[in-house]
PDB file of N, CA and C in Angstrom:
ATOM      1  N   UNK A   1     162.829  90.184  -7.123  1.00  0.00           N
ATOM      2  CA  UNK A   1     164.040  90.161  -7.916  1.00  0.00           C
ATOM      3  C   UNK A   1     164.303  91.559  -8.476  1.00  0.00           C
ATOM      4  N   UNK A   2     165.532  91.996  -8.379  1.00  0.00           N
ATOM      5  CA  UNK A   2     165.917  93.320  -8.852  1.00  0.00           C
ATOM      6  C   UNK A   2     166.535  93.223 -10.238  1.00  0.00           C
ATOM      7  N   UNK A   3     166.090  94.105 -11.124  1.00  0.00           N
ATOM      8  CA  UNK A   3     166.659  94.227 -12.464  1.00  0.00           C
ATOM      9  C   UNK A   3     167.050  95.683 -12.664  1.00  0.00           C
ATOM     10  N   UNK A   4     167.955  95.911 -13.596  1.00  0.00           N
ATOM     11  CA  UNK A   4     168.296  97.290 -13.922  1.00  0.00           C
ATOM     12  C   UNK A   4     168.650  97.403 -15.391  1.00  0.00           C
ATOM     13  N   UNK A   5     168.497  98.612 -15.901  1.00  0.00           N
ATOM     14  CA  UNK A   5     168.971  98.921 -17.246  1.00  0.00           C
ATOM     15  C   UNK A   5     169.890 100.127 -17.127  1.00  0.00           C
ATOM     16  N   UNK A   6     170.864 100.206 -18.009  1.00  0.00           N
ATOM     17  CA  UNK A   6     171.845 101.289 -17.983  1.00  0.00           C
ATOM     18  C   UNK A   6     171.926 101.902 -19.365  1.00  0.00           C
ATOM     19  N   UNK A   7     171.805 103.223 -19.417  1.00  0.00           N
ATOM     20  CA  UNK A   7     171.915 103.962 -20.675  1.00  0.00           C
ATOM     21  C   UNK A   7     172.845 105.145 -20.468  1.00  0.00           C
ATOM     22  N   UNK A   8     173.536 105.523 -21.516  1.00  0.00           N
ATOM     23  CA  UNK A   8     174.406 106.693 -21.475  1.00  0.00           C
ATOM     24  C   UNK A   8     173.809 107.810 -22.312  1.00  0.00           C
ATOM     25  N   UNK A   9     173.846 109.022 -21.770  1.00  0.00           N
ATOM     26  CA  UNK A   9     173.461 110.238 -22.480  1.00  0.00           C
ATOM     27  C   UNK A   9     174.577 111.237 -22.230  1.00  0.00           C
ATOM     28  N   UNK A  10     175.420 111.465 -23.239  1.00  0.00           N
ATOM     29  CA  UNK A  10     176.632 112.280 -23.088  1.00  0.00           C
ATOM     30  C   UNK A  10     177.474 111.662 -21.978  1.00  0.00           C
ATOM     31  N   UNK A  11     177.786 112.394 -20.919  1.00  0.00           N
ATOM     32  CA  UNK A  11     178.566 111.844 -19.805  1.00  0.00           C
ATOM     33  C   UNK A  11     177.696 111.430 -18.626  1.00  0.00           C
ATOM     34  N   UNK A  12     176.398 111.310 -18.849  1.00  0.00           N
ATOM     35  CA  UNK A  12     175.475 110.929 -17.786  1.00  0.00           C
ATOM     36  C   UNK A  12     175.023 109.492 -17.986  1.00  0.00           C
ATOM     37  N   UNK A  13     175.212 108.687 -16.950  1.00  0.00           N
ATOM     38  CA  UNK A  13     174.729 107.312 -16.963  1.00  0.00           C
ATOM     39  C   UNK A  13     173.402 107.247 -16.235  1.00  0.00           C
ATOM     40  N   UNK A  14     172.409 106.669 -16.858  1.00  0.00           N
ATOM     41  CA  UNK A  14     171.080 106.553 -16.257  1.00  0.00           C
ATOM     42  C   UNK A  14     170.829 105.088 -15.927  1.00  0.00           C
ATOM     43  N   UNK A  15     170.604 104.821 -14.641  1.00  0.00           N
ATOM     44  CA  UNK A  15     170.258 103.471 -14.206  1.00  0.00           C
ATOM     45  C   UNK A  15     168.798 103.481 -13.796  1.00  0.00           C
ATOM     46  N   UNK A  16     168.025 102.598 -14.407  1.00  0.00           N
ATOM     47  CA  UNK A  16     166.615 102.439 -14.038  1.00  0.00           C
ATOM     48  C   UNK A  16     166.463 101.088 -13.350  1.00  0.00           C
ATOM     49  N   UNK A  17     166.063 101.142 -12.075  1.00  0.00           N
ATOM     50  CA  UNK A  17     165.881  99.919 -11.300  1.00  0.00           C
ATOM     51  C   UNK A  17     164.434  99.469 -11.385  1.00  0.00           C
ATOM     52  N   UNK A  18     164.229  98.144 -11.308  1.00  0.00           N
ATOM     53  CA  UNK A  18     162.879  97.582 -11.310  1.00  0.00           C
ATOM     54  C   UNK A  18     162.864  96.362 -10.395  1.00  0.00           C
ATOM     55  N   UNK A  19     161.880  96.318  -9.499  1.00  0.00           N
ATOM     56  CA  UNK A  19     161.743  95.178  -8.593  1.00  0.00           C
ATOM     57  C   UNK A  19     161.927  95.587  -7.145  1.00  0.00           C
ATOM     58  N   UNK A  20     162.497  94.678  -6.349  1.00  0.00           N
ATOM     59  CA  UNK A  20     162.693  94.906  -4.921  1.00  0.00           C
ATOM     60  C   UNK A  20     164.174  95.042  -4.610  1.00  0.00           C
ATOM     61  N   UNK A  21     164.501  96.055  -3.804  1.00  0.00           N
ATOM     62  CA  UNK A  21     165.885  96.234  -3.365  1.00  0.00           C
ATOM     63  C   UNK A  21     165.965  95.755  -1.927  1.00  0.00           C
ATOM     64  N   UNK A  22     166.548  94.575  -1.762  1.00  0.00           N
ATOM     65  CA  UNK A  22     166.700  93.967  -0.441  1.00  0.00           C
ATOM     66  C   UNK A  22     168.111  93.416  -0.319  1.00  0.00           C
ATOM     67  N   UNK A  23     168.402  92.874   0.843  1.00  0.00           N
ATOM     68  CA  UNK A  23     169.695  92.237   1.079  1.00  0.00           C
ATOM     69  C   UNK A  23     169.958  91.164   0.020  1.00  0.00           C
ATOM     70  N   UNK A  24     168.929  90.488  -0.418  1.00  0.00           N
ATOM     71  CA  UNK A  24     169.075  89.401  -1.386  1.00  0.00           C
ATOM     72  C   UNK A  24     169.432  89.893  -2.786  1.00  0.00           C
ATOM     73  N   UNK A  25     169.243  91.164  -3.043  1.00  0.00           N
ATOM     74  CA  UNK A  25     169.586  91.710  -4.361  1.00  0.00           C
ATOM     75  C   UNK A  25     170.892  92.502  -4.326  1.00  0.00           C
ATOM     76  N   UNK A  26     171.703  92.268  -3.313  1.00  0.00           N
ATOM     77  CA  UNK A  26     172.940  93.030  -3.115  1.00  0.00           C
ATOM     78  C   UNK A  26     173.859  92.991  -4.326  1.00  0.00           C
ATOM     79  N   UNK A  27     174.051  91.836  -4.895  1.00  0.00           N
ATOM     80  CA  UNK A  27     174.969  91.698  -6.022  1.00  0.00           C
ATOM     81  C   UNK A  27     174.517  92.539  -7.211  1.00  0.00           C
ATOM     82  N   UNK A  28     173.243  92.500  -7.515  1.00  0.00           N
ATOM     83  CA  UNK A  28     172.709  93.267  -8.649  1.00  0.00           C
ATOM     84  C   UNK A  28     172.823  94.763  -8.383  1.00  0.00           C
ATOM     85  N   UNK A  29     172.478  95.194  -7.170  1.00  0.00           N
ATOM     86  CA  UNK A  29     172.558  96.614  -6.816  1.00  0.00           C
ATOM     87  C   UNK A  29     173.990  97.120  -6.929  1.00  0.00           C
ATOM     88  N   UNK A  30     174.931  96.401  -6.342  1.00  0.00           N
ATOM     89  CA  UNK A  30     176.339  96.824  -6.392  1.00  0.00           C
ATOM     90  C   UNK A  30     176.859  96.842  -7.824  1.00  0.00           C
ATOM     91  N   UNK A  31     176.517  95.836  -8.602  1.00  0.00           N
ATOM     92  CA  UNK A  31     176.955  95.792  -9.999  1.00  0.00           C
ATOM     93  C   UNK A  31     176.476  97.027 -10.752  1.00  0.00           C
ATOM     94  N   UNK A  32     175.223  97.372 -10.584  1.00  0.00           N
ATOM     95  CA  UNK A  32     174.657  98.530 -11.281  1.00  0.00           C
ATOM     96  C   UNK A  32     175.338  99.821 -10.851  1.00  0.00           C
ATOM     97  N   UNK A  33     175.488 100.013  -9.554  1.00  0.00           N
ATOM     98  CA  UNK A  33     176.049 101.261  -9.044  1.00  0.00           C
ATOM     99  C   UNK A  33     177.497 101.455  -9.470  1.00  0.00           C
ATOM    100  N   UNK A  34     178.320 100.439  -9.291  1.00  0.00           N
ATOM    101  CA  UNK A  34     179.735 100.607  -9.582  1.00  0.00           C
ATOM    102  C   UNK A  34     180.025 100.592 -11.080  1.00  0.00           C
ATOM    103  N   UNK A  35     179.236  99.874 -11.866  1.00  0.00           N
ATOM    104  CA  UNK A  35     179.378  99.933 -13.314  1.00  0.00           C
ATOM    105  C   UNK A  35     179.108 101.351 -13.807  1.00  0.00           C
ATOM    106  N   UNK A  36     178.122 101.994 -13.218  1.00  0.00           N
ATOM    107  CA  UNK A  36     177.786 103.352 -13.643  1.00  0.00           C
ATOM    108  C   UNK A  36     178.921 104.324 -13.356  1.00  0.00           C
ATOM    109  N   UNK A  37     179.624 104.139 -12.248  1.00  0.00           N
ATOM    110  CA  UNK A  37     180.760 105.011 -11.933  1.00  0.00           C
ATOM    111  C   UNK A  37     181.901 104.822 -12.921  1.00  0.00           C
ATOM    112  N   UNK A  38     182.086 103.604 -13.391  1.00  0.00           N
ATOM    113  CA  UNK A  38     183.154 103.333 -14.353  1.00  0.00           C
ATOM    114  C   UNK A  38     182.887 103.972 -15.709  1.00  0.00           C
ATOM    115  N   UNK A  39     181.623 104.222 -16.012  1.00  0.00           N
ATOM    116  CA  UNK A  39     181.258 104.650 -17.355  1.00  0.00           C
ATOM    117  C   UNK A  39     180.736 106.070 -17.482  1.00  0.00           C
ATOM    118  N   UNK A  40     180.572 106.787 -16.379  1.00  0.00           N
ATOM    119  CA  UNK A  40     179.978 108.124 -16.484  1.00  0.00           C
ATOM    120  C   UNK A  40     180.490 109.062 -15.399  1.00  0.00           C
ATOM    121  N   UNK A  41     180.381 110.360 -15.678  1.00  0.00           N
ATOM    122  CA  UNK A  41     180.761 111.385 -14.707  1.00  0.00           C
ATOM    123  C   UNK A  41     179.598 111.768 -13.809  1.00  0.00           C
ATOM    124  N   UNK A  42     178.401 111.532 -14.297  1.00  0.00           N
ATOM    125  CA  UNK A  42     177.186 111.858 -13.550  1.00  0.00           C
ATOM    126  C   UNK A  42     176.284 110.631 -13.616  1.00  0.00           C
ATOM    127  N   UNK A  43     175.834 110.166 -12.465  1.00  0.00           N
ATOM    128  CA  UNK A  43     174.985 108.981 -12.391  1.00  0.00           C
ATOM    129  C   UNK A  43     173.585 109.401 -11.966  1.00  0.00           C
ATOM    130  N   UNK A  44     172.602 109.060 -12.765  1.00  0.00           N
ATOM    131  CA  UNK A  44     171.197 109.328 -12.460  1.00  0.00           C
ATOM    132  C   UNK A  44     170.546 107.997 -12.088  1.00  0.00           C
ATOM    133  N   UNK A  45     170.036 107.904 -10.859  1.00  0.00           N
ATOM    134  CA  UNK A  45     169.413 106.678 -10.361  1.00  0.00           C
ATOM    135  C   UNK A  45     167.903 106.863 -10.334  1.00  0.00           C
ATOM    136  N   UNK A  46     167.192 106.059 -11.092  1.00  0.00           N
ATOM    137  CA  UNK A  46     165.733 106.161 -11.183  1.00  0.00           C
ATOM    138  C   UNK A  46     165.099 104.945 -10.510  1.00  0.00           C
ATOM    139  N   UNK A  47     164.336 105.208  -9.443  1.00  0.00           N
ATOM    140  CA  UNK A  47     163.700 104.146  -8.667  1.00  0.00           C
ATOM    141  C   UNK A  47     162.192 104.089  -8.900  1.00  0.00           C
ATOM    142  N   UNK A  48     161.701 104.616 -10.007  1.00  0.00           N
ATOM    143  CA  UNK A  48     160.255 104.705 -10.239  1.00  0.00           C
ATOM    144  C   UNK A  48     159.573 103.346 -10.334  1.00  0.00           C
ATOM    145  N   UNK A  49     160.297 102.300 -10.687  1.00  0.00           N
ATOM    146  CA  UNK A  49     159.683 100.974 -10.815  1.00  0.00           C
ATOM    147  C   UNK A  49     160.112 100.023  -9.702  1.00  0.00           C
ATOM    148  N   UNK A  50     160.568 100.588  -8.593  1.00  0.00           N
ATOM    149  CA  UNK A  50     160.959  99.770  -7.440  1.00  0.00           C
ATOM    150  C   UNK A  50     159.759  99.624  -6.516  1.00  0.00           C
ATOM    151  N   UNK A  51     159.434  98.385  -6.183  1.00  0.00           N
ATOM    152  CA  UNK A  51     158.242  98.119  -5.369  1.00  0.00           C
ATOM    153  C   UNK A  51     158.535  98.030  -3.877  1.00  0.00           C
ATOM    154  N   UNK A  52     159.787  97.746  -3.499  1.00  0.00           N
ATOM    155  CA  UNK A  52     160.130  97.640  -2.084  1.00  0.00           C
ATOM    156  C   UNK A  52     161.602  97.966  -1.879  1.00  0.00           C
ATOM    157  N   UNK A  53     161.890  98.666  -0.784  1.00  0.00           N
ATOM    158  CA  UNK A  53     163.262  98.982  -0.401  1.00  0.00           C
ATOM    159  C   UNK A  53     163.396  98.671   1.076  1.00  0.00           C
ATOM    160  N   UNK A  54     164.436  97.902   1.453  1.00  0.00           N
ATOM    161  CA  UNK A  54     164.651  97.647   2.874  1.00  0.00           C
ATOM    162  C   UNK A  54     165.868  98.424   3.371  1.00  0.00           C
ATOM    163  N   UNK A  55     166.204  98.267   4.635  1.00  0.00           N
ATOM    164  CA  UNK A  55     167.273  99.065   5.249  1.00  0.00           C
ATOM    165  C   UNK A  55     168.633  98.816   4.614  1.00  0.00           C
ATOM    166  N   UNK A  56     168.843  97.677   4.010  1.00  0.00           N
ATOM    167  CA  UNK A  56     170.089  97.377   3.322  1.00  0.00           C
ATOM    168  C   UNK A  56     170.397  98.441   2.268  1.00  0.00           C
ATOM    169  N   UNK A  57     169.378  98.910   1.589  1.00  0.00           N
ATOM    170  CA  UNK A  57     169.520  99.916   0.538  1.00  0.00           C
ATOM    171  C   UNK A  57     170.228 101.163   1.054  1.00  0.00           C
ATOM    172  N   UNK A  58     169.843 101.633   2.235  1.00  0.00           N
ATOM    173  CA  UNK A  58     170.410 102.868   2.768  1.00  0.00           C
ATOM    174  C   UNK A  58     171.895 102.722   3.063  1.00  0.00           C
ATOM    175  N   UNK A  59     172.278 101.585   3.605  1.00  0.00           N
ATOM    176  CA  UNK A  59     173.695 101.328   3.868  1.00  0.00           C
ATOM    177  C   UNK A  59     174.492 101.338   2.569  1.00  0.00           C
ATOM    178  N   UNK A  60     173.980 100.674   1.544  1.00  0.00           N
ATOM    179  CA  UNK A  60     174.678 100.628   0.261  1.00  0.00           C
ATOM    180  C   UNK A  60     174.754 101.995  -0.406  1.00  0.00           C
ATOM    181  N   UNK A  61     173.708 102.782  -0.302  1.00  0.00           N
ATOM    182  CA  UNK A  61     173.720 104.112  -0.909  1.00  0.00           C
ATOM    183  C   UNK A  61     174.686 105.048  -0.197  1.00  0.00           C
ATOM    184  N   UNK A  62     174.819 104.908   1.105  1.00  0.00           N
ATOM    185  CA  UNK A  62     175.813 105.718   1.828  1.00  0.00           C
ATOM    186  C   UNK A  62     177.220 105.401   1.323  1.00  0.00           C
ATOM    187  N   UNK A  63     177.516 104.122   1.178  1.00  0.00           N
ATOM    188  CA  UNK A  63     178.828 103.706   0.676  1.00  0.00           C
ATOM    189  C   UNK A  63     179.041 104.204  -0.754  1.00  0.00           C
ATOM    190  N   UNK A  64     178.016 104.066  -1.579  1.00  0.00           N
ATOM    191  CA  UNK A  64     178.111 104.497  -2.971  1.00  0.00           C
ATOM    192  C   UNK A  64     178.342 105.996  -3.063  1.00  0.00           C
ATOM    193  N   UNK A  65     177.665 106.755  -2.225  1.00  0.00           N
ATOM    194  CA  UNK A  65     177.836 108.205  -2.235  1.00  0.00           C
ATOM    195  C   UNK A  65     179.278 108.582  -1.899  1.00  0.00           C
ATOM    196  N   UNK A  66     179.864 107.923  -0.899  1.00  0.00           N
ATOM    197  CA  UNK A  66     181.254 108.203  -0.522  1.00  0.00           C
ATOM    198  C   UNK A  66     182.199 107.906  -1.679  1.00  0.00           C
ATOM    199  N   UNK A  67     182.017 106.774  -2.319  1.00  0.00           N
ATOM    200  CA  UNK A  67     182.868 106.412  -3.454  1.00  0.00           C
ATOM    201  C   UNK A  67     182.707 107.431  -4.581  1.00  0.00           C
ATOM    202  N   UNK A  68     181.486 107.795  -4.891  1.00  0.00           N
ATOM    203  CA  UNK A  68     181.229 108.772  -5.957  1.00  0.00           C
ATOM    204  C   UNK A  68     181.894 110.110  -5.641  1.00  0.00           C
ATOM    205  N   UNK A  69     181.785 110.556  -4.403  1.00  0.00           N
ATOM    206  CA  UNK A  69     182.408 111.827  -4.022  1.00  0.00           C
ATOM    207  C   UNK A  69     183.923 111.747  -4.118  1.00  0.00           C
ATOM    208  N   UNK A  70     184.509 110.639  -3.680  1.00  0.00           N
ATOM    209  CA  UNK A  70     185.959 110.479  -3.765  1.00  0.00           C
ATOM    210  C   UNK A  70     186.448 110.494  -5.211  1.00  0.00           C
ATOM    211  N   UNK A  71     185.631 109.996  -6.116  1.00  0.00           N
ATOM    212  CA  UNK A  71     185.973 109.990  -7.539  1.00  0.00           C
ATOM    213  C   UNK A  71     185.547 111.271  -8.251  1.00  0.00           C
ATOM    214  N   UNK A  72     184.971 112.195  -7.484  1.00  0.00           N
ATOM    215  CA  UNK A  72     184.485 113.467  -8.014  1.00  0.00           C
ATOM    216  C   UNK A  72     183.414 113.260  -9.092  1.00  0.00           C
ATOM    217  N   UNK A  73     182.549 112.309  -8.827  1.00  0.00           N
ATOM    218  CA  UNK A  73     181.421 112.029  -9.710  1.00  0.00           C
ATOM    219  C   UNK A  73     180.152 112.558  -9.056  1.00  0.00           C
ATOM    220  N   UNK A  74     179.171 112.894  -9.876  1.00  0.00           N
ATOM    221  CA  UNK A  74     177.895 113.391  -9.355  1.00  0.00           C
ATOM    222  C   UNK A  74     176.874 112.262  -9.341  1.00  0.00           C
ATOM    223  N   UNK A  75     175.963 112.346  -8.374  1.00  0.00           N
ATOM    224  CA  UNK A  75     174.912 111.348  -8.244  1.00  0.00           C
ATOM    225  C   UNK A  75     173.578 112.056  -8.078  1.00  0.00           C
ATOM    226  N   UNK A  76     172.580 111.621  -8.826  1.00  0.00           N
ATOM    227  CA  UNK A  76     171.237 112.168  -8.724  1.00  0.00           C
ATOM    228  C   UNK A  76     170.279 111.019  -8.450  1.00  0.00           C
ATOM    229  N   UNK A  77     169.419 111.199  -7.463  1.00  0.00           N
ATOM    230  CA  UNK A  77     168.437 110.178  -7.097  1.00  0.00           C
ATOM    231  C   UNK A  77     167.050 110.700  -7.443  1.00  0.00           C
ATOM    232  N   UNK A  78     166.282 109.878  -8.163  1.00  0.00           N
ATOM    233  CA  UNK A  78     164.922 110.270  -8.552  1.00  0.00           C
ATOM    234  C   UNK A  78     163.934 109.164  -8.220  1.00  0.00           C
ATOM    235  N   UNK A  79     162.726 109.584  -7.887  1.00  0.00           N
ATOM    236  CA  UNK A  79     161.580 108.685  -7.790  1.00  0.00           C
ATOM    237  C   UNK A  79     161.696 107.598  -6.729  1.00  0.00           C
ATOM    238  N   UNK A  80     162.226 107.939  -5.552  1.00  0.00           N
ATOM    239  CA  UNK A  80     162.153 106.982  -4.451  1.00  0.00           C
ATOM    240  C   UNK A  80     160.686 106.811  -4.072  1.00  0.00           C
ATOM    241  N   UNK A  81     160.295 105.628  -3.621  1.00  0.00           N
ATOM    242  CA  UNK A  81     158.892 105.428  -3.245  1.00  0.00           C
ATOM    243  C   UNK A  81     158.447 106.427  -2.182  1.00  0.00           C
ATOM    244  N   UNK A  82     157.236 106.960  -2.293  1.00  0.00           N
ATOM    245  CA  UNK A  82     156.768 107.996  -1.366  1.00  0.00           C
ATOM    246  C   UNK A  82     156.697 107.545   0.086  1.00  0.00           C
ATOM    247  N   UNK A  83     156.537 106.252   0.329  1.00  0.00           N
ATOM    248  CA  UNK A  83     156.451 105.798   1.717  1.00  0.00           C
ATOM    249  C   UNK A  83     157.745 106.013   2.485  1.00  0.00           C
ATOM    250  N   UNK A  84     158.852 106.239   1.810  1.00  0.00           N
ATOM    251  CA  UNK A  84     160.119 106.476   2.507  1.00  0.00           C
ATOM    252  C   UNK A  84     160.177 107.854   3.153  1.00  0.00           C
ATOM    253  N   UNK A  85     159.370 108.770   2.714  1.00  0.00           N
ATOM    254  CA  UNK A  85     159.410 110.132   3.247  1.00  0.00           C
ATOM    255  C   UNK A  85     158.990 110.226   4.701  1.00  0.00           C
ATOM    256  N   UNK A  86     158.047 109.418   5.131  1.00  0.00           N
ATOM    257  CA  UNK A  86     157.477 109.592   6.458  1.00  0.00           C
ATOM    258  C   UNK A  86     157.521 108.365   7.346  1.00  0.00           C
ATOM    259  N   UNK A  87     158.056 107.269   6.884  1.00  0.00           N
ATOM    260  CA  UNK A  87     158.009 106.061   7.696  1.00  0.00           C
ATOM    261  C   UNK A  87     159.260 105.904   8.547  1.00  0.00           C
ATOM    262  N   UNK A  88     159.092 105.627   9.845  1.00  0.00           N
ATOM    263  CA  UNK A  88     160.238 105.394  10.718  1.00  0.00           C
ATOM    264  C   UNK A  88     160.982 104.163  10.241  1.00  0.00           C
ATOM    265  N   UNK A  89     162.289 104.082  10.376  1.00  0.00           N
ATOM    266  CA  UNK A  89     163.180 105.114  10.908  1.00  0.00           C
ATOM    267  C   UNK A  89     163.661 106.083   9.847  1.00  0.00           C
ATOM    268  N   UNK A  90     162.960 106.218   8.771  1.00  0.00           N
ATOM    269  CA  UNK A  90     163.399 107.030   7.650  1.00  0.00           C
ATOM    270  C   UNK A  90     162.601 108.322   7.590  1.00  0.00           C
ATOM    271  N   UNK A  91     162.724 109.150   8.576  1.00  0.00           N
ATOM    272  CA  UNK A  91     162.023 110.432   8.589  1.00  0.00           C
ATOM    273  C   UNK A  91     162.756 111.396   7.659  1.00  0.00           C
ATOM    274  N   UNK A  92     162.025 112.190   6.928  1.00  0.00           N
ATOM    275  CA  UNK A  92     162.617 113.099   5.949  1.00  0.00           C
ATOM    276  C   UNK A  92     163.594 114.077   6.576  1.00  0.00           C
ATOM    277  N   UNK A  93     163.292 114.582   7.760  1.00  0.00           N
ATOM    278  CA  UNK A  93     164.131 115.628   8.329  1.00  0.00           C
ATOM    279  C   UNK A  93     165.477 115.137   8.844  1.00  0.00           C
ATOM    280  N   UNK A  94     165.655 113.857   9.093  1.00  0.00           N
ATOM    281  CA  UNK A  94     166.927 113.393   9.652  1.00  0.00           C
ATOM    282  C   UNK A  94     167.397 112.105   8.999  1.00  0.00           C
ATOM    283  N   UNK A  95     167.009 111.872   7.785  1.00  0.00           N
ATOM    284  CA  UNK A  95     167.247 110.573   7.183  1.00  0.00           C
ATOM    285  C   UNK A  95     168.258 110.613   6.053  1.00  0.00           C
ATOM    286  N   UNK A  96     168.457 109.446   5.513  1.00  0.00           N
ATOM    287  CA  UNK A  96     169.242 109.275   4.299  1.00  0.00           C
ATOM    288  C   UNK A  96     168.729 110.199   3.205  1.00  0.00           C
ATOM    289  N   UNK A  97     167.434 110.295   3.092  1.00  0.00           N
ATOM    290  CA  UNK A  97     166.846 111.084   2.008  1.00  0.00           C
ATOM    291  C   UNK A  97     167.325 112.521   2.060  1.00  0.00           C
ATOM    292  N   UNK A  98     167.401 113.090   3.247  1.00  0.00           N
ATOM    293  CA  UNK A  98     167.827 114.480   3.356  1.00  0.00           C
ATOM    294  C   UNK A  98     169.348 114.599   3.426  1.00  0.00           C
ATOM    295  N   UNK A  99     170.011 113.712   4.168  1.00  0.00           N
ATOM    296  CA  UNK A  99     171.436 113.852   4.425  1.00  0.00           C
ATOM    297  C   UNK A  99     172.338 113.200   3.391  1.00  0.00           C
ATOM    298  N   UNK A 100     171.888 112.147   2.757  1.00  0.00           N
ATOM    299  CA  UNK A 100     172.736 111.448   1.809  1.00  0.00           C
ATOM    300  C   UNK A 100     172.392 111.804   0.372  1.00  0.00           C
ATOM    301  N   UNK A 101     171.145 112.028   0.081  1.00  0.00           N
ATOM    302  CA  UNK A 101     170.771 112.443  -1.266  1.00  0.00           C
ATOM    303  C   UNK A 101     169.709 113.509  -1.165  1.00  0.00           C
ATOM    304  N   UNK A 102     169.543 114.226  -2.238  1.00  0.00           N
ATOM    305  CA  UNK A 102     168.438 115.179  -2.314  1.00  0.00           C
ATOM    306  C   UNK A 102     167.365 114.539  -3.162  1.00  0.00           C
ATOM    307  N   UNK A 103     166.230 114.349  -2.584  1.00  0.00           N
ATOM    308  CA  UNK A 103     165.140 113.684  -3.276  1.00  0.00           C
ATOM    309  C   UNK A 103     164.375 114.674  -4.139  1.00  0.00           C
ATOM    310  N   UNK A 104     164.058 114.256  -5.330  1.00  0.00           N
ATOM    311  CA  UNK A 104     163.257 115.076  -6.225  1.00  0.00           C
ATOM    312  C   UNK A 104     161.798 114.890  -5.837  1.00  0.00           C
ATOM    313  N   UNK A 105     161.168 115.960  -5.385  1.00  0.00           N
ATOM    314  CA  UNK A 105     159.770 115.886  -4.997  1.00  0.00           C
ATOM    315  C   UNK A 105     158.957 116.845  -5.851  1.00  0.00           C
ATOM    316  N   UNK A 106     158.002 116.302  -6.583  1.00  0.00           N
ATOM    317  CA  UNK A 106     157.073 117.105  -7.381  1.00  0.00           C
ATOM    318  C   UNK A 106     157.800 118.073  -8.308  1.00  0.00           C
ATOM    319  N   UNK A 107     158.873 117.606  -8.894  1.00  0.00           N
ATOM    320  CA  UNK A 107     159.653 118.454  -9.776  1.00  0.00           C
ATOM    321  C   UNK A 107     160.185 117.609 -10.923  1.00  0.00           C
ATOM    322  N   UNK A 108     160.126 118.094 -12.128  1.00  0.00           N
ATOM    323  CA  UNK A 108     160.644 117.318 -13.243  1.00  0.00           C
ATOM    324  C   UNK A 108     162.166 117.302 -13.304  1.00  0.00           C
ATOM    325  N   UNK A 109     162.813 118.222 -12.604  1.00  0.00           N
ATOM    326  CA  UNK A 109     164.266 118.306 -12.642  1.00  0.00           C
ATOM    327  C   UNK A 109     164.885 117.531 -11.490  1.00  0.00           C
ATOM    328  N   UNK A 110     165.940 116.746 -11.738  1.00  0.00           N
ATOM    329  CA  UNK A 110     166.598 116.007 -10.662  1.00  0.00           C
ATOM    330  C   UNK A 110     167.395 116.937  -9.762  1.00  0.00           C
ATOM    331  N   UNK A 111     167.548 116.522  -8.520  1.00  0.00           N
ATOM    332  CA  UNK A 111     168.387 117.253  -7.572  1.00  0.00           C
ATOM    333  C   UNK A 111     169.743 116.576  -7.553  1.00  0.00           C
ATOM    334  N   UNK A 112     170.792 117.338  -7.513  1.00  0.00           N
ATOM    335  CA  UNK A 112     172.132 116.763  -7.561  1.00  0.00           C
ATOM    336  C   UNK A 112     172.717 116.620  -6.177  1.00  0.00           C
ATOM    337  N   UNK A 113     173.577 115.622  -6.048  1.00  0.00           N
ATOM    338  CA  UNK A 113     174.317 115.401  -4.801  1.00  0.00           C
ATOM    339  C   UNK A 113     175.767 115.641  -5.091  1.00  0.00           C
TER     340      UNK A 113
END
């Protein structure tokens, strides 16, 4: 089951996800993402407490990125599970991680998209 919390810091909305992101959690994921766009100019997505992500997640994040760009909003992704870096079909050099978002690796500062 996927849960999220949303906090505002100035014009930055911080969403912290917890649980599993799968096709079955689509409604919760979409609610969190689009609510954040309505309320902030910069969206920070924290996945540090996510235990599983399936391929559905990548499709939704691609769509979310397009919407955010069209609205001229910024998106920052932090703390994706480390297994996404090297597991097929999600290779770092040609994947969502590199092409759709910039992943924060071993750095306290988020990377912006």
